[in-house]
Protein backbone atom coordinates (compact mmCIF):
# COMPACT_ATOMS: atom_id res chain seq x y z
CA MET A 1 89.69 -53.81 -97.98
CA LYS A 2 88.08 -56.26 -95.57
CA ARG A 3 90.75 -55.56 -92.94
CA SER A 4 90.15 -51.81 -93.36
CA ARG A 5 86.43 -52.32 -92.99
CA VAL A 6 86.86 -54.47 -89.90
CA ALA A 7 89.23 -51.91 -88.41
CA SER A 8 86.71 -49.13 -89.08
CA TRP A 9 83.90 -51.09 -87.46
CA CYS A 10 86.09 -51.87 -84.47
CA THR A 11 87.06 -48.23 -84.14
CA LEU A 12 83.40 -47.19 -84.36
CA PHE A 13 82.43 -49.85 -81.81
CA PHE A 14 85.00 -48.68 -79.28
CA LEU A 15 84.08 -45.03 -79.85
CA LEU A 16 80.42 -45.81 -79.19
CA LEU A 17 81.35 -47.94 -76.21
CA PHE A 18 83.51 -45.14 -74.81
CA ALA A 19 80.73 -42.60 -75.39
CA GLY A 20 78.30 -44.88 -73.60
CA LEU A 21 80.65 -45.33 -70.68
CA VAL A 22 81.15 -41.57 -70.43
CA THR A 23 77.40 -40.97 -70.55
CA THR A 24 76.82 -43.65 -67.92
CA ALA A 25 79.53 -42.20 -65.69
CA GLN A 26 78.06 -38.72 -66.05
CA ALA A 27 74.58 -40.01 -65.25
CA ALA A 28 75.94 -41.85 -62.21
CA ARG A 29 77.32 -38.58 -60.87
CA ASN A 30 73.96 -36.83 -60.99
CA VAL A 31 72.57 -35.84 -57.61
CA THR A 32 68.80 -35.90 -57.07
CA ILE A 33 67.01 -33.88 -54.40
CA LEU A 34 63.63 -35.45 -53.62
CA ILE A 35 60.67 -33.35 -52.43
CA GLY A 36 57.71 -34.96 -50.65
CA TYR A 37 55.26 -32.29 -51.80
CA PRO A 38 54.00 -30.88 -55.13
CA PRO A 39 55.77 -27.96 -56.85
CA GLY A 40 55.24 -24.43 -55.59
CA GLY A 41 55.86 -24.77 -51.85
CA GLY A 42 58.85 -23.73 -49.78
CA HIS A 43 60.55 -27.14 -50.03
CA ASP A 44 60.27 -27.11 -53.80
CA LEU A 45 61.54 -23.54 -54.12
CA GLU A 46 64.55 -24.16 -51.90
CA ALA A 47 65.51 -27.36 -53.72
CA ARG A 48 65.40 -25.64 -57.10
CA ILE A 49 67.59 -22.79 -55.87
CA MET A 50 70.08 -25.34 -54.58
CA ALA A 51 69.99 -27.25 -57.85
CA ARG A 52 71.35 -24.18 -59.65
CA HIS A 53 74.36 -23.83 -57.35
CA LEU A 54 75.23 -26.98 -55.41
CA GLY A 55 76.83 -29.00 -58.21
CA GLN A 56 79.84 -26.70 -58.56
CA TYR A 57 80.81 -27.38 -54.96
CA LEU A 58 80.73 -31.18 -55.22
CA PRO A 59 83.47 -33.41 -56.66
CA GLY A 60 82.98 -33.93 -60.38
CA THR A 61 80.57 -30.96 -60.59
CA PRO A 62 77.50 -33.19 -60.95
CA LYS A 63 74.18 -32.05 -62.31
CA VAL A 64 71.66 -31.59 -59.48
CA ILE A 65 68.10 -32.65 -60.32
CA VAL A 66 64.93 -31.89 -58.36
CA GLN A 67 62.18 -34.52 -58.31
CA ASN A 68 58.78 -34.17 -56.63
CA MET A 69 57.43 -37.31 -54.97
CA PRO A 70 54.26 -36.17 -53.14
CA GLY A 71 51.92 -38.32 -51.10
CA ALA A 72 50.98 -39.34 -47.53
CA GLY A 73 52.09 -36.02 -46.06
CA GLY A 74 55.59 -36.46 -47.49
CA MET A 75 56.04 -40.00 -46.14
CA ILE A 76 56.19 -41.66 -49.57
CA MET A 77 59.33 -39.68 -50.34
CA SER A 78 60.87 -40.25 -46.91
CA SER A 79 60.22 -43.99 -47.15
CA PHE A 80 61.89 -44.09 -50.56
CA VAL A 81 64.99 -42.25 -49.34
CA TYR A 82 65.27 -44.54 -46.31
CA ASN A 83 64.52 -47.90 -47.91
CA ARG A 84 65.36 -47.71 -51.61
CA ALA A 85 67.84 -44.94 -52.33
CA LYS A 86 71.47 -45.99 -52.59
CA PRO A 87 73.62 -44.60 -49.75
CA ASP A 88 76.17 -43.23 -52.20
CA GLY A 89 75.44 -39.51 -51.96
CA THR A 90 73.44 -39.31 -55.19
CA THR A 91 70.03 -39.11 -53.52
CA ILE A 92 69.12 -36.45 -50.96
CA GLY A 93 65.75 -35.97 -49.28
CA LEU A 94 64.47 -32.51 -48.35
CA PHE A 95 62.55 -33.13 -45.13
CA GLY A 96 60.43 -30.78 -43.03
CA SER A 97 59.51 -30.72 -39.36
CA SER A 98 56.43 -32.78 -40.23
CA HIS A 99 58.68 -35.73 -41.11
CA GLY A 100 60.06 -35.69 -37.58
CA LEU A 101 56.61 -35.39 -36.05
CA GLN A 102 55.14 -38.15 -38.16
CA ALA A 103 58.03 -40.42 -37.23
CA VAL A 104 57.07 -40.29 -33.55
CA LEU A 105 53.30 -39.76 -33.77
CA ALA A 106 51.99 -41.71 -36.76
CA PRO A 107 51.03 -45.40 -36.40
CA PRO A 108 54.13 -47.60 -36.77
CA GLU A 109 52.73 -49.33 -39.85
CA MET A 110 52.65 -45.96 -41.65
CA VAL A 111 56.20 -44.88 -40.82
CA LYS A 112 58.72 -46.69 -43.01
CA TYR A 113 61.78 -44.65 -42.03
CA ASP A 114 63.92 -43.90 -38.99
CA LEU A 115 64.99 -40.28 -39.07
CA SER A 116 67.55 -40.82 -36.31
CA LYS A 117 69.63 -42.96 -38.69
CA MET A 118 69.66 -40.42 -41.54
CA PRO A 119 72.59 -37.95 -41.61
CA ILE A 120 71.68 -34.26 -41.89
CA ILE A 121 73.73 -32.02 -44.17
CA TRP A 122 71.67 -28.78 -44.17
CA SER A 123 68.87 -27.20 -42.15
CA VAL A 124 67.11 -23.85 -41.91
CA ALA A 125 64.84 -22.65 -39.14
CA GLY A 126 61.43 -21.10 -39.69
CA ILE A 127 58.83 -19.06 -37.85
CA GLN A 128 55.18 -20.08 -38.04
CA VAL A 129 52.57 -17.45 -38.83
CA HIS A 130 48.93 -18.43 -38.30
CA ILE A 131 46.96 -16.82 -41.12
CA THR A 132 43.23 -16.55 -41.80
CA ARG A 133 41.06 -15.66 -44.76
CA ASP A 134 39.49 -12.22 -44.92
CA PHE A 135 35.91 -13.52 -44.93
CA LEU A 136 36.27 -14.54 -41.28
CA GLY A 137 36.21 -10.81 -40.50
CA ALA A 138 39.41 -10.63 -38.44
CA ARG A 139 42.47 -8.56 -39.26
CA ASN A 140 44.34 -9.30 -36.04
CA ALA A 141 44.36 -11.65 -33.05
CA LYS A 142 42.03 -9.52 -30.94
CA GLU A 143 39.35 -9.50 -33.65
CA PHE A 144 39.89 -13.23 -34.21
CA MET A 145 39.15 -13.95 -30.56
CA THR A 146 36.13 -11.64 -30.30
CA LYS A 147 34.42 -11.47 -33.71
CA VAL A 148 34.94 -14.71 -35.63
CA ASP A 149 32.20 -17.30 -36.01
CA ARG A 150 34.01 -20.50 -34.93
CA SER A 151 32.00 -22.65 -37.32
CA ARG A 152 33.54 -20.80 -40.27
CA ILE A 153 37.09 -21.65 -39.24
CA ALA A 154 38.38 -24.41 -41.53
CA LEU A 155 41.94 -25.34 -40.60
CA ALA A 156 44.02 -26.85 -43.41
CA GLY A 157 47.02 -29.16 -43.15
CA ARG A 158 48.82 -32.06 -44.77
CA SER A 159 48.17 -34.86 -42.28
CA LYS A 160 46.82 -35.41 -38.77
CA GLN A 161 50.36 -35.90 -37.49
CA GLY A 162 51.81 -33.07 -39.62
CA SER A 163 53.23 -29.89 -38.16
CA SER A 164 50.71 -27.44 -39.66
CA CYS A 165 47.66 -29.31 -38.35
CA LEU A 166 49.07 -30.02 -34.90
CA ARG A 167 50.49 -26.54 -34.37
CA GLY A 168 47.25 -24.94 -35.49
CA GLN A 169 44.97 -27.15 -33.43
CA LEU A 170 47.12 -26.89 -30.32
CA ALA A 171 47.19 -23.10 -30.62
CA LEU A 172 43.40 -22.94 -30.95
CA ARG A 173 42.98 -25.29 -28.00
CA LEU A 174 45.32 -23.18 -25.85
CA LEU A 175 43.28 -20.08 -26.71
CA GLY A 176 40.00 -21.86 -25.95
CA VAL A 177 38.73 -21.81 -29.54
CA GLU A 178 36.26 -24.64 -30.24
CA GLY A 179 33.64 -25.52 -32.85
CA TYR A 180 35.95 -25.26 -35.88
CA LYS A 181 36.67 -27.96 -38.47
CA ALA A 182 40.01 -29.30 -39.66
CA VAL A 183 40.90 -30.84 -43.00
CA CYS A 184 44.33 -32.46 -42.63
CA ALA A 185 44.71 -34.26 -45.95
CA TYR A 186 46.17 -31.79 -48.46
CA ARG A 187 49.21 -32.85 -50.50
CA GLY A 188 51.22 -29.68 -49.90
CA THR A 189 51.29 -25.90 -49.59
CA SER A 190 50.14 -25.26 -53.16
CA PRO A 191 46.91 -27.30 -52.77
CA ILE A 192 46.31 -25.59 -49.43
CA LYS A 193 46.71 -22.19 -51.05
CA ALA A 194 44.24 -23.22 -53.75
CA ALA A 195 41.80 -24.29 -51.04
CA MET A 196 42.23 -20.91 -49.34
CA GLU A 197 41.61 -19.11 -52.63
CA ARG A 198 38.34 -20.95 -53.30
CA ASP A 199 37.10 -20.31 -49.72
CA GLU A 200 37.35 -23.99 -48.82
CA ALA A 201 39.94 -23.36 -46.10
CA SER A 202 40.21 -20.30 -43.87
CA PHE A 203 43.02 -21.01 -41.36
CA PHE A 204 46.56 -22.20 -42.02
CA VAL A 205 49.85 -22.31 -40.15
CA ALA A 206 52.18 -20.83 -42.74
CA SER A 207 55.87 -20.06 -42.40
CA ASP A 208 57.29 -16.55 -42.30
CA ALA A 209 58.74 -17.13 -45.79
CA HIS A 210 55.24 -17.73 -47.19
CA LEU A 211 54.39 -14.06 -46.70
CA VAL A 212 57.50 -12.39 -48.12
CA GLY A 213 59.66 -12.56 -51.24
CA GLY A 214 58.30 -15.18 -53.61
CA GLY A 215 56.33 -16.97 -50.91
CA ALA A 216 53.13 -18.88 -51.62
CA PHE A 217 50.78 -16.42 -49.90
CA VAL A 218 52.44 -13.13 -50.82
CA ASP A 219 49.88 -12.23 -53.48
CA MET A 220 46.90 -13.10 -51.27
CA HIS A 221 48.42 -11.07 -48.44
CA LYS A 222 48.96 -8.05 -50.68
CA ARG A 223 45.37 -8.28 -51.93
CA GLY A 224 44.01 -8.40 -48.39
CA LEU A 225 42.74 -11.96 -48.72
CA VAL A 226 44.77 -13.34 -45.81
CA PHE A 227 45.86 -11.77 -42.53
CA PRO A 228 48.42 -12.93 -39.94
CA MET A 229 46.89 -13.49 -36.50
CA TRP A 230 49.94 -14.46 -34.44
CA GLN A 231 53.42 -15.92 -34.83
CA SER A 232 55.34 -18.62 -33.00
CA GLY A 233 58.24 -16.31 -32.19
CA ILE A 234 61.83 -17.17 -31.29
CA LEU A 235 62.84 -19.25 -28.27
CA LYS A 236 65.87 -17.60 -26.67
CA ASP A 237 68.59 -19.49 -24.77
CA ASP A 238 67.21 -18.15 -21.48
CA GLY A 239 63.76 -19.64 -22.23
CA THR A 240 62.04 -16.38 -23.15
CA ILE A 241 60.02 -16.03 -26.36
CA THR A 242 60.31 -12.92 -28.49
CA ARG A 243 58.87 -11.74 -31.80
CA SER A 244 60.84 -12.57 -34.92
CA GLU A 245 62.02 -9.77 -37.18
CA THR A 246 61.29 -12.02 -40.18
CA VAL A 247 57.55 -11.53 -39.62
CA LYS A 248 56.58 -8.15 -41.01
CA GLY A 249 54.06 -5.94 -39.26
CA ASP A 250 52.75 -5.82 -35.70
CA VAL A 251 52.16 -9.57 -35.29
CA PRO A 252 52.17 -10.80 -31.66
CA THR A 253 53.46 -14.17 -30.51
CA LEU A 254 51.05 -16.91 -29.44
CA LEU A 255 52.38 -16.37 -25.92
CA GLU A 256 51.32 -12.70 -26.02
CA VAL A 257 47.86 -13.61 -27.29
CA TYR A 258 47.48 -16.28 -24.61
CA ARG A 259 48.37 -13.76 -21.91
CA GLU A 260 45.84 -11.30 -23.34
CA VAL A 261 43.09 -13.93 -23.40
CA HIS A 262 43.77 -15.70 -20.08
CA GLY A 263 45.60 -13.05 -18.06
CA LYS A 264 48.43 -15.41 -17.13
CA ASP A 265 51.29 -17.43 -18.57
CA PRO A 266 50.48 -20.81 -20.13
CA SER A 267 51.46 -24.10 -18.52
CA GLY A 268 50.63 -27.77 -18.74
CA VAL A 269 51.18 -30.50 -21.30
CA ASP A 270 49.35 -28.67 -24.11
CA TRP A 271 51.76 -25.77 -23.80
CA GLU A 272 54.82 -28.02 -23.48
CA SER A 273 53.69 -29.91 -26.58
CA TRP A 274 53.26 -26.68 -28.53
CA ARG A 275 56.67 -25.39 -27.38
CA ALA A 276 58.31 -28.62 -28.56
CA ILE A 277 56.82 -28.59 -32.05
CA GLY A 278 56.21 -24.87 -32.51
CA LEU A 279 59.57 -23.61 -31.29
CA GLY A 280 62.07 -26.45 -30.89
CA MET A 281 61.28 -28.33 -34.09
CA ALA A 282 61.02 -25.04 -35.98
CA LYS A 283 64.79 -25.31 -36.43
CA LEU A 284 64.15 -28.29 -38.71
CA THR A 285 61.81 -26.45 -41.07
CA ARG A 286 63.66 -27.58 -44.20
CA THR A 287 66.37 -30.19 -43.77
CA LEU A 288 68.51 -32.12 -46.26
CA VAL A 289 69.03 -35.74 -45.19
CA LEU A 290 70.86 -38.74 -46.64
CA PRO A 291 69.93 -42.43 -46.71
CA PRO A 292 71.05 -44.51 -43.73
CA GLY A 293 74.40 -46.19 -44.18
CA THR A 294 75.93 -43.34 -46.19
CA ALA A 295 79.69 -43.47 -45.64
CA ALA A 296 81.07 -40.89 -43.22
CA ALA A 297 83.47 -39.58 -45.86
CA LYS A 298 80.58 -38.99 -48.27
CA VAL A 299 78.55 -37.24 -45.55
CA THR A 300 81.51 -34.95 -44.82
CA GLU A 301 81.99 -34.28 -48.53
CA LEU A 302 78.37 -33.25 -48.99
CA ARG A 303 78.31 -31.17 -45.82
CA GLU A 304 81.40 -29.29 -46.95
CA GLY A 305 79.89 -28.73 -50.40
CA VAL A 306 76.63 -27.42 -48.94
CA ALA A 307 78.55 -25.16 -46.53
CA LYS A 308 80.53 -23.67 -49.43
CA MET A 309 77.31 -23.14 -51.38
CA ALA A 310 75.84 -21.27 -48.40
CA LYS A 311 78.69 -18.75 -48.69
CA ASP A 312 78.30 -18.29 -52.44
CA PRO A 313 77.05 -14.70 -53.01
CA GLY A 314 75.04 -15.88 -56.03
CA PHE A 315 73.25 -18.57 -54.04
CA VAL A 316 72.65 -16.26 -51.08
CA LYS A 317 71.21 -13.60 -53.40
CA ASP A 318 68.88 -16.09 -55.07
CA TRP A 319 67.78 -17.60 -51.74
CA GLU A 320 67.15 -14.25 -50.06
CA ARG A 321 65.24 -12.92 -53.09
CA VAL A 322 62.87 -15.90 -53.09
CA PHE A 323 62.42 -16.21 -49.32
CA GLY A 324 62.48 -12.49 -48.56
CA GLN A 325 64.75 -12.80 -45.53
CA LYS A 326 68.42 -13.08 -44.62
CA LEU A 327 69.91 -16.55 -44.90
CA ALA A 328 72.61 -16.42 -42.24
CA PRO A 329 70.31 -16.00 -39.18
CA VAL A 330 68.15 -19.01 -40.10
CA LEU A 331 70.95 -21.44 -40.95
CA VAL A 332 71.29 -24.34 -38.51
CA THR A 333 74.49 -26.38 -38.45
CA PRO A 334 74.15 -30.11 -39.17
CA LYS A 335 75.48 -30.88 -35.69
CA GLU A 336 72.85 -28.70 -34.01
CA ALA A 337 70.10 -30.04 -36.31
CA GLU A 338 70.97 -33.64 -35.41
CA LYS A 339 70.96 -32.72 -31.71
CA ILE A 340 67.45 -31.25 -32.04
CA ARG A 341 66.36 -34.30 -34.03
CA ASP A 342 67.65 -36.73 -31.40
CA GLU A 343 66.03 -34.80 -28.56
CA THR A 344 62.74 -34.77 -30.46
CA MET A 345 62.86 -38.48 -31.22
CA ALA A 346 63.54 -39.43 -27.60
CA PRO A 347 60.34 -40.66 -25.83
CA SER A 348 58.68 -37.92 -23.78
CA GLU A 349 55.43 -36.95 -22.09
CA TRP A 350 54.52 -34.46 -24.82
CA GLN A 351 54.89 -37.14 -27.48
CA ALA A 352 52.41 -39.43 -25.74
CA HIS A 353 50.05 -36.50 -25.24
CA LEU A 354 50.28 -35.38 -28.85
CA ARG A 355 49.73 -38.93 -30.10
CA LYS A 356 46.42 -39.07 -28.27
CA PHE A 357 45.56 -35.53 -29.29
CA ALA A 358 46.18 -36.20 -32.99
CA ASN A 359 44.21 -39.43 -33.02
CA ALA A 360 41.26 -37.75 -31.29
CA GLN A 361 40.91 -35.04 -33.91
């Protein structure tokens, strides 16, 4: 009887141990996508779409989890991915163009990551659309330049070195708009939208996806509460800038508005700075990166999984429904994304100019 009891306990022990090992192994295979902003913005939406599809294209079909880690314009998340996440492919950061800008413009003591050492496995490009609240009294760029009381313009952004604040302020400076105020301390798109709704903010550099599909500002746009003034446009290989088909309606490019206001083409370091962050870095609008030191084989494995996901009709349908645009034209290969990243990180005149510009605001 005692032997039988001992055997039963041993059997139970090994069953529990085996179950624990299985559970631990399953948990170890989970993949987490970290977002540096609160729920509701474009980064959050894209990560959650990926979480529903990516696992089936990775070895072991892991569960993909989305975790929001907002703060410091996204730099808390980026610092975690760079310094604390294991380089084993189980933690992925969803970065935006602001992470690249902050890396070269923010004070060194604030930047705890080196983007140039972080492999890229996915990137999509975006078009910026500068939108304003209805109470400013402008429905288009011409009315904005001729009718709006500058003191009522309240530009919203995530940080002084972030893309939305810098793109917006550079655009206004190029157009000769002065006397406005800027609040560059919001935690993400959702808080900025809330500020726009309560009349606290009146000017924001949104993305084209914010105004279509399930974008953050679709409802406000439909209700006539926000209007697009101008768009960044697309930088062609020959250097020309054209309107993007992803921006609905008759929305001119900033270049067109500049020509209308000044009667000539723009030039100088302000314009070169805006081109770099408003057009070049636009190809890094939402980028999946891995911790430094991730093995090359693991990087390749994840890139191949993400590439397969991008061809999945179910994923494409979900993505295009939410973002209201075609996926294929905005996809950027990891190789091209890393090339843009490296060019952006290299010291340049526009970086030094923007650093002074941001600190003076």
